[in-house]
């Protein structure tokens, strides 16, 4: 479930990056974060398959729910990292403008 969720997030971010006119919002970085997570979960799935064999394909409902929450948490963490990066780099100058208005 974690692999499926992160692959969907990676594909969506990659399509958005590919169709964007400019990369000022650093969507490519977000796509790389998600592709890295998908690669990590792929290695985890292969290792688990080697360990469990055919049982890998019949997970318990509780395990699937836990994996789903973990996948959503990984996607949320990727979004948080991307957002912090955007605030620090401030590609459109909006944070600087907002801070200068308050001064």
C-alpha atoms as a PDB file:
ATOM      1  CA  UNK A   1       0.000   0.000   0.000  1.00  0.00           C
ATOM      2  CA  UNK A   2       2.831   2.390   0.814  1.00  0.00           C
ATOM      3  CA  UNK A   3       4.451   1.660  -2.539  1.00  0.00           C
ATOM      4  CA  UNK A   4       1.193   2.208  -4.416  1.00  0.00           C
ATOM      5  CA  UNK A   5       0.458   5.525  -2.698  1.00  0.00           C
ATOM      6  CA  UNK A   6       3.955   6.937  -3.213  1.00  0.00           C
ATOM      7  CA  UNK A   7       4.058   5.811  -6.861  1.00  0.00           C
ATOM      8  CA  UNK A   8       0.741   7.586  -7.492  1.00  0.00           C
ATOM      9  CA  UNK A   9       2.105  10.727  -5.816  1.00  0.00           C
ATOM     10  CA  UNK A  10       5.314  10.477  -7.863  1.00  0.00           C
ATOM     11  CA  UNK A  11       3.428  10.066 -11.136  1.00  0.00           C
ATOM     12  CA  UNK A  12       1.090  12.985 -10.375  1.00  0.00           C
ATOM     13  CA  UNK A  13       4.011  15.251  -9.397  1.00  0.00           C
ATOM     14  CA  UNK A  14       5.976  14.177 -12.486  1.00  0.00           C
ATOM     15  CA  UNK A  15       3.067  14.896 -14.834  1.00  0.00           C
ATOM     16  CA  UNK A  16       2.537  18.285 -13.181  1.00  0.00           C
ATOM     17  CA  UNK A  17       6.266  19.057 -13.494  1.00  0.00           C
ATOM     18  CA  UNK A  18       6.333  17.957 -17.154  1.00  0.00           C
ATOM     19  CA  UNK A  19       3.298  20.036 -18.125  1.00  0.00           C
ATOM     20  CA  UNK A  20       4.309  23.165 -16.164  1.00  0.00           C
ATOM     21  CA  UNK A  21       5.463  26.129 -18.214  1.00  0.00           C
ATOM     22  CA  UNK A  22       8.228  26.959 -15.725  1.00  0.00           C
ATOM     23  CA  UNK A  23       9.691  25.214 -12.697  1.00  0.00           C
ATOM     24  CA  UNK A  24       9.638  28.191 -10.366  1.00  0.00           C
ATOM     25  CA  UNK A  25       7.625  26.212  -7.819  1.00  0.00           C
ATOM     26  CA  UNK A  26      10.208  23.390  -7.868  1.00  0.00           C
ATOM     27  CA  UNK A  27       7.676  20.663  -8.693  1.00  0.00           C
ATOM     28  CA  UNK A  28      10.596  18.621 -10.040  1.00  0.00           C
ATOM     29  CA  UNK A  29      12.070  18.474  -6.547  1.00  0.00           C
ATOM     30  CA  UNK A  30       8.739  17.237  -5.181  1.00  0.00           C
ATOM     31  CA  UNK A  31       8.651  14.553  -7.885  1.00  0.00           C
ATOM     32  CA  UNK A  32      12.172  13.458  -6.947  1.00  0.00           C
ATOM     33  CA  UNK A  33      11.189  13.220  -3.279  1.00  0.00           C
ATOM     34  CA  UNK A  34       8.285  10.949  -4.185  1.00  0.00           C
ATOM     35  CA  UNK A  35      10.317   8.842  -6.644  1.00  0.00           C
ATOM     36  CA  UNK A  36      12.932   8.349  -3.917  1.00  0.00           C
ATOM     37  CA  UNK A  37      10.235   7.176  -1.514  1.00  0.00           C
ATOM     38  CA  UNK A  38       8.808   4.863  -4.185  1.00  0.00           C
ATOM     39  CA  UNK A  39      12.255   3.360  -4.761  1.00  0.00           C
ATOM     40  CA  UNK A  40      12.658   2.839  -1.011  1.00  0.00           C
ATOM     41  CA  UNK A  41       9.285   1.064  -0.766  1.00  0.00           C
ATOM     42  CA  UNK A  42      10.148  -1.059  -3.827  1.00  0.00           C
ATOM     43  CA  UNK A  43      13.304  -2.336  -2.134  1.00  0.00           C
ATOM     44  CA  UNK A  44      11.274  -2.964   1.018  1.00  0.00           C
ATOM     45  CA  UNK A  45       8.637  -4.922  -0.939  1.00  0.00           C
ATOM     46  CA  UNK A  46      11.270  -7.066  -2.661  1.00  0.00           C
ATOM     47  CA  UNK A  47      12.968  -7.833   0.655  1.00  0.00           C
ATOM     48  CA  UNK A  48       9.629  -8.699   2.245  1.00  0.00           C
ATOM     49  CA  UNK A  49       8.709 -10.938  -0.706  1.00  0.00           C
ATOM     50  CA  UNK A  50      12.032 -12.772  -0.380  1.00  0.00           C
ATOM     51  CA  UNK A  51      11.304 -13.291   3.314  1.00  0.00           C
ATOM     52  CA  UNK A  52       7.616 -14.270   3.115  1.00  0.00           C
ATOM     53  CA  UNK A  53       7.232 -15.803  -0.340  1.00  0.00           C
ATOM     54  CA  UNK A  54       3.623 -16.278  -1.456  1.00  0.00           C
ATOM     55  CA  UNK A  55       2.273 -14.965   1.878  1.00  0.00           C
ATOM     56  CA  UNK A  56       3.366 -11.501   0.733  1.00  0.00           C
ATOM     57  CA  UNK A  57       0.301 -11.347  -1.538  1.00  0.00           C
ATOM     58  CA  UNK A  58      -2.234 -12.044   1.239  1.00  0.00           C
ATOM     59  CA  UNK A  59      -1.696  -9.341   3.868  1.00  0.00           C
ATOM     60  CA  UNK A  60      -3.982  -8.956   6.855  1.00  0.00           C
ATOM     61  CA  UNK A  61      -6.493  -6.108   6.800  1.00  0.00           C
ATOM     62  CA  UNK A  62      -4.799  -4.444   9.764  1.00  0.00           C
ATOM     63  CA  UNK A  63      -1.443  -4.512   7.965  1.00  0.00           C
ATOM     64  CA  UNK A  64      -2.994  -2.943   4.862  1.00  0.00           C
ATOM     65  CA  UNK A  65      -4.560  -0.146   6.920  1.00  0.00           C
ATOM     66  CA  UNK A  66      -1.254   0.525   8.695  1.00  0.00           C
ATOM     67  CA  UNK A  67       0.589   0.554   5.361  1.00  0.00           C
ATOM     68  CA  UNK A  68      -2.005   2.949   3.952  1.00  0.00           C
ATOM     69  CA  UNK A  69      -1.523   5.375   6.819  1.00  0.00           C
ATOM     70  CA  UNK A  70       2.254   5.073   6.448  1.00  0.00           C
ATOM     71  CA  UNK A  71       2.001   5.841   2.729  1.00  0.00           C
ATOM     72  CA  UNK A  72      -0.161   8.892   3.380  1.00  0.00           C
ATOM     73  CA  UNK A  73       2.270  10.025   6.080  1.00  0.00           C
ATOM     74  CA  UNK A  74       5.175   9.683   3.618  1.00  0.00           C
ATOM     75  CA  UNK A  75       3.308  11.787   1.042  1.00  0.00           C
ATOM     76  CA  UNK A  76       2.468  14.399   3.695  1.00  0.00           C
ATOM     77  CA  UNK A  77       6.082  14.526   4.867  1.00  0.00           C
ATOM     78  CA  UNK A  78       7.213  15.028   1.272  1.00  0.00           C
ATOM     79  CA  UNK A  79       4.780  17.936   0.926  1.00  0.00           C
ATOM     80  CA  UNK A  80       6.022  19.477   4.185  1.00  0.00           C
ATOM     81  CA  UNK A  81       9.665  19.228   3.085  1.00  0.00           C
ATOM     82  CA  UNK A  82       8.774  20.757  -0.298  1.00  0.00           C
ATOM     83  CA  UNK A  83       6.797  23.575   1.354  1.00  0.00           C
ATOM     84  CA  UNK A  84       9.638  24.428   3.765  1.00  0.00           C
ATOM     85  CA  UNK A  85      12.030  24.466   0.818  1.00  0.00           C
ATOM     86  CA  UNK A  86       9.707  26.858  -1.036  1.00  0.00           C
ATOM     87  CA  UNK A  87       9.422  29.184   1.960  1.00  0.00           C
ATOM     88  CA  UNK A  88      13.208  29.281   2.358  1.00  0.00           C
ATOM     89  CA  UNK A  89      13.995  29.776  -1.353  1.00  0.00           C
ATOM     90  CA  UNK A  90      10.970  32.046  -1.955  1.00  0.00           C
ATOM     91  CA  UNK A  91      10.986  31.712  -5.773  1.00  0.00           C
ATOM     92  CA  UNK A  92       8.219  34.263  -6.366  1.00  0.00           C
ATOM     93  CA  UNK A  93       9.315  36.696  -3.651  1.00  0.00           C
ATOM     94  CA  UNK A  94       6.029  36.526  -1.770  1.00  0.00           C
ATOM     95  CA  UNK A  95       7.506  35.813   1.657  1.00  0.00           C
ATOM     96  CA  UNK A  96       9.921  38.731   1.278  1.00  0.00           C
ATOM     97  CA  UNK A  97       7.053  41.015   0.225  1.00  0.00           C
ATOM     98  CA  UNK A  98       4.885  39.911   3.146  1.00  0.00           C
ATOM     99  CA  UNK A  99       7.716  40.436   5.630  1.00  0.00           C
ATOM    100  CA  UNK A 100       8.560  43.869   4.239  1.00  0.00           C
ATOM    101  CA  UNK A 101       4.897  44.988   4.530  1.00  0.00           C
ATOM    102  CA  UNK A 102       4.871  44.117   8.241  1.00  0.00           C
ATOM    103  CA  UNK A 103       8.068  46.090   8.936  1.00  0.00           C
END
